[in-house]
């Protein structure tokens, strides 16, 4: 069972537009093509990453996710969705990242409008 399917068992009761969009986000991420995530974001979206900074607008977000293809490959990174919950406008996901430096745990918060992400911020432990 994929991490998306496993985590979906927890949040399906509240499923809405944001939940479904973030479920798709994790399905794409599970395949390791971070650049493909850019298509899920609105042109005026904002992404806040605790390591790489803040990216506003479609072009900046696409550049960030393209960079993630290279950076995550260097780190031998893989992500596991632990839990996903959301409704029509907001969602959150608890995740675990495994890299060549160890394991980190975090949470992403998301805001969705008309099926597109408008805001995404990750929080993670040190």
C-alpha atoms as a PDB file:
ATOM      1  CA  UNK A   1       0.000   0.000   0.000  1.00  0.00           C
ATOM      2  CA  UNK A   2       1.426   3.413  -0.974  1.00  0.00           C
ATOM      3  CA  UNK A   3       2.002   6.089   1.649  1.00  0.00           C
ATOM      4  CA  UNK A   4      -0.831   8.107   0.096  1.00  0.00           C
ATOM      5  CA  UNK A   5      -3.310   5.229   0.390  1.00  0.00           C
ATOM      6  CA  UNK A   6      -2.235   4.465   3.949  1.00  0.00           C
ATOM      7  CA  UNK A   7      -2.456   8.088   5.107  1.00  0.00           C
ATOM      8  CA  UNK A   8      -5.745   8.635   3.298  1.00  0.00           C
ATOM      9  CA  UNK A   9      -7.419   6.178   5.631  1.00  0.00           C
ATOM     10  CA  UNK A  10      -7.081   8.774   8.409  1.00  0.00           C
ATOM     11  CA  UNK A  11      -8.463  11.848   6.645  1.00  0.00           C
ATOM     12  CA  UNK A  12     -11.084  10.560   4.240  1.00  0.00           C
ATOM     13  CA  UNK A  13     -14.006  11.491   6.501  1.00  0.00           C
ATOM     14  CA  UNK A  14     -13.340  15.209   5.917  1.00  0.00           C
ATOM     15  CA  UNK A  15     -12.380  14.868   2.245  1.00  0.00           C
ATOM     16  CA  UNK A  16     -13.033  17.907   0.084  1.00  0.00           C
ATOM     17  CA  UNK A  17     -11.345  19.895  -2.675  1.00  0.00           C
ATOM     18  CA  UNK A  18      -8.229  20.736  -0.619  1.00  0.00           C
ATOM     19  CA  UNK A  19      -7.927  17.158   0.627  1.00  0.00           C
ATOM     20  CA  UNK A  20      -8.159  15.777  -2.915  1.00  0.00           C
ATOM     21  CA  UNK A  21      -5.657  18.309  -4.276  1.00  0.00           C
ATOM     22  CA  UNK A  22      -3.110  17.485  -1.563  1.00  0.00           C
ATOM     23  CA  UNK A  23      -3.682  13.772  -2.052  1.00  0.00           C
ATOM     24  CA  UNK A  24      -2.739  14.358  -5.718  1.00  0.00           C
ATOM     25  CA  UNK A  25       0.289  16.410  -4.567  1.00  0.00           C
ATOM     26  CA  UNK A  26       1.549  13.413  -2.593  1.00  0.00           C
ATOM     27  CA  UNK A  27       0.856  10.973  -5.423  1.00  0.00           C
ATOM     28  CA  UNK A  28       3.075  13.095  -7.693  1.00  0.00           C
ATOM     29  CA  UNK A  29       5.736  13.498  -5.009  1.00  0.00           C
ATOM     30  CA  UNK A  30       5.770   9.719  -4.440  1.00  0.00           C
ATOM     31  CA  UNK A  31       7.044   9.393  -8.017  1.00  0.00           C
ATOM     32  CA  UNK A  32       9.941  11.752  -7.279  1.00  0.00           C
ATOM     33  CA  UNK A  33       9.254  14.355  -9.990  1.00  0.00           C
ATOM     34  CA  UNK A  34       9.024  17.494  -7.880  1.00  0.00           C
ATOM     35  CA  UNK A  35       8.896  19.758 -10.950  1.00  0.00           C
ATOM     36  CA  UNK A  36       5.519  18.213 -11.840  1.00  0.00           C
ATOM     37  CA  UNK A  37       4.099  19.628  -8.597  1.00  0.00           C
ATOM     38  CA  UNK A  38       4.235  23.171  -9.991  1.00  0.00           C
ATOM     39  CA  UNK A  39       1.149  22.529 -12.125  1.00  0.00           C
ATOM     40  CA  UNK A  40      -0.945  22.201  -8.942  1.00  0.00           C
ATOM     41  CA  UNK A  41      -0.276  25.820  -7.897  1.00  0.00           C
ATOM     42  CA  UNK A  42      -2.204  28.972  -8.769  1.00  0.00           C
ATOM     43  CA  UNK A  43      -0.290  31.773 -10.514  1.00  0.00           C
ATOM     44  CA  UNK A  44      -0.412  33.901  -7.341  1.00  0.00           C
ATOM     45  CA  UNK A  45       0.469  31.094  -4.904  1.00  0.00           C
ATOM     46  CA  UNK A  46       3.047  31.231  -2.127  1.00  0.00           C
ATOM     47  CA  UNK A  47       5.337  28.384  -1.014  1.00  0.00           C
ATOM     48  CA  UNK A  48       7.280  28.680   2.241  1.00  0.00           C
ATOM     49  CA  UNK A  49      10.034  26.127   2.708  1.00  0.00           C
ATOM     50  CA  UNK A  50      11.968  26.090   6.017  1.00  0.00           C
ATOM     51  CA  UNK A  51      15.262  25.378   4.238  1.00  0.00           C
ATOM     52  CA  UNK A  52      15.056  27.124   0.854  1.00  0.00           C
ATOM     53  CA  UNK A  53      12.888  30.150   1.642  1.00  0.00           C
ATOM     54  CA  UNK A  54       9.716  31.732   0.259  1.00  0.00           C
ATOM     55  CA  UNK A  55       8.597  31.544  -3.365  1.00  0.00           C
ATOM     56  CA  UNK A  56       5.746  33.654  -4.705  1.00  0.00           C
ATOM     57  CA  UNK A  57       4.144  33.199  -8.112  1.00  0.00           C
ATOM     58  CA  UNK A  58       4.043  30.399 -10.626  1.00  0.00           C
ATOM     59  CA  UNK A  59       7.475  31.004 -12.152  1.00  0.00           C
ATOM     60  CA  UNK A  60       9.275  31.147  -8.796  1.00  0.00           C
ATOM     61  CA  UNK A  61       7.436  28.056  -7.543  1.00  0.00           C
ATOM     62  CA  UNK A  62       8.236  26.112 -10.722  1.00  0.00           C
ATOM     63  CA  UNK A  63      11.909  27.054 -10.294  1.00  0.00           C
ATOM     64  CA  UNK A  64      11.876  25.893  -6.686  1.00  0.00           C
ATOM     65  CA  UNK A  65      10.372  22.496  -7.513  1.00  0.00           C
ATOM     66  CA  UNK A  66      12.796  22.040 -10.422  1.00  0.00           C
ATOM     67  CA  UNK A  67      15.631  22.695  -7.950  1.00  0.00           C
ATOM     68  CA  UNK A  68      14.098  20.098  -5.623  1.00  0.00           C
ATOM     69  CA  UNK A  69      14.592  17.406  -8.298  1.00  0.00           C
ATOM     70  CA  UNK A  70      18.344  17.997  -8.079  1.00  0.00           C
ATOM     71  CA  UNK A  71      18.578  18.623  -4.333  1.00  0.00           C
ATOM     72  CA  UNK A  72      16.467  15.636  -3.302  1.00  0.00           C
ATOM     73  CA  UNK A  73      18.461  13.345  -5.604  1.00  0.00           C
ATOM     74  CA  UNK A  74      21.708  14.572  -4.001  1.00  0.00           C
ATOM     75  CA  UNK A  75      20.269  13.897  -0.550  1.00  0.00           C
ATOM     76  CA  UNK A  76      18.928  10.489  -1.622  1.00  0.00           C
ATOM     77  CA  UNK A  77      15.616  11.711  -0.196  1.00  0.00           C
ATOM     78  CA  UNK A  78      12.330   9.918   0.056  1.00  0.00           C
ATOM     79  CA  UNK A  79       9.155  11.110   1.713  1.00  0.00           C
ATOM     80  CA  UNK A  80       6.423   9.161   3.443  1.00  0.00           C
ATOM     81  CA  UNK A  81       2.975  10.597   4.042  1.00  0.00           C
ATOM     82  CA  UNK A  82       1.972   9.682   7.588  1.00  0.00           C
ATOM     83  CA  UNK A  83      -1.422  11.368   7.815  1.00  0.00           C
ATOM     84  CA  UNK A  84      -3.517  13.620   5.601  1.00  0.00           C
ATOM     85  CA  UNK A  85      -6.619  15.566   6.521  1.00  0.00           C
ATOM     86  CA  UNK A  86      -8.515  18.378   4.884  1.00  0.00           C
ATOM     87  CA  UNK A  87     -11.750  19.896   3.695  1.00  0.00           C
ATOM     88  CA  UNK A  88     -12.639  22.110   0.725  1.00  0.00           C
ATOM     89  CA  UNK A  89     -10.257  24.991   1.475  1.00  0.00           C
ATOM     90  CA  UNK A  90      -7.502  23.789   3.804  1.00  0.00           C
ATOM     91  CA  UNK A  91      -5.508  20.641   4.438  1.00  0.00           C
ATOM     92  CA  UNK A  92      -2.568  19.455   6.460  1.00  0.00           C
ATOM     93  CA  UNK A  93      -0.218  16.521   6.071  1.00  0.00           C
ATOM     94  CA  UNK A  94       2.133  14.922   8.550  1.00  0.00           C
ATOM     95  CA  UNK A  95       5.192  13.517   6.777  1.00  0.00           C
ATOM     96  CA  UNK A  96       8.536  11.842   7.288  1.00  0.00           C
ATOM     97  CA  UNK A  97      11.617  12.495   5.143  1.00  0.00           C
ATOM     98  CA  UNK A  98      14.496  10.049   4.957  1.00  0.00           C
ATOM     99  CA  UNK A  99      17.794  11.341   3.551  1.00  0.00           C
ATOM    100  CA  UNK A 100      21.450  10.397   3.648  1.00  0.00           C
ATOM    101  CA  UNK A 101      21.580  12.495   6.856  1.00  0.00           C
ATOM    102  CA  UNK A 102      18.786  10.645   8.670  1.00  0.00           C
ATOM    103  CA  UNK A 103      15.059  11.034   9.257  1.00  0.00           C
ATOM    104  CA  UNK A 104      13.105  14.248   9.814  1.00  0.00           C
ATOM    105  CA  UNK A 105       9.457  14.686  10.669  1.00  0.00           C
ATOM    106  CA  UNK A 106       7.299  17.555   9.572  1.00  0.00           C
ATOM    107  CA  UNK A 107       3.883  18.946   8.769  1.00  0.00           C
ATOM    108  CA  UNK A 108       2.706  20.782   5.687  1.00  0.00           C
ATOM    109  CA  UNK A 109      -0.232  23.191   5.754  1.00  0.00           C
ATOM    110  CA  UNK A 110      -2.062  23.976   2.548  1.00  0.00           C
ATOM    111  CA  UNK A 111      -4.736  26.336   1.273  1.00  0.00           C
ATOM    112  CA  UNK A 112      -6.606  25.529  -1.963  1.00  0.00           C
ATOM    113  CA  UNK A 113      -8.893  27.587  -4.186  1.00  0.00           C
ATOM    114  CA  UNK A 114     -10.666  26.180  -7.253  1.00  0.00           C
ATOM    115  CA  UNK A 115      -8.564  23.018  -7.197  1.00  0.00           C
ATOM    116  CA  UNK A 116      -5.219  24.846  -7.098  1.00  0.00           C
ATOM    117  CA  UNK A 117      -2.874  25.438  -4.207  1.00  0.00           C
ATOM    118  CA  UNK A 118      -2.635  29.073  -3.159  1.00  0.00           C
ATOM    119  CA  UNK A 119      -0.463  28.554  -0.060  1.00  0.00           C
ATOM    120  CA  UNK A 120       1.864  25.813   1.152  1.00  0.00           C
ATOM    121  CA  UNK A 121       4.151  25.943   4.174  1.00  0.00           C
ATOM    122  CA  UNK A 122       6.223  23.172   5.719  1.00  0.00           C
ATOM    123  CA  UNK A 123       7.227  22.980   9.375  1.00  0.00           C
ATOM    124  CA  UNK A 124       9.782  20.408  10.498  1.00  0.00           C
ATOM    125  CA  UNK A 125      11.751  19.379  13.495  1.00  0.00           C
ATOM    126  CA  UNK A 126      15.442  20.322  13.620  1.00  0.00           C
END
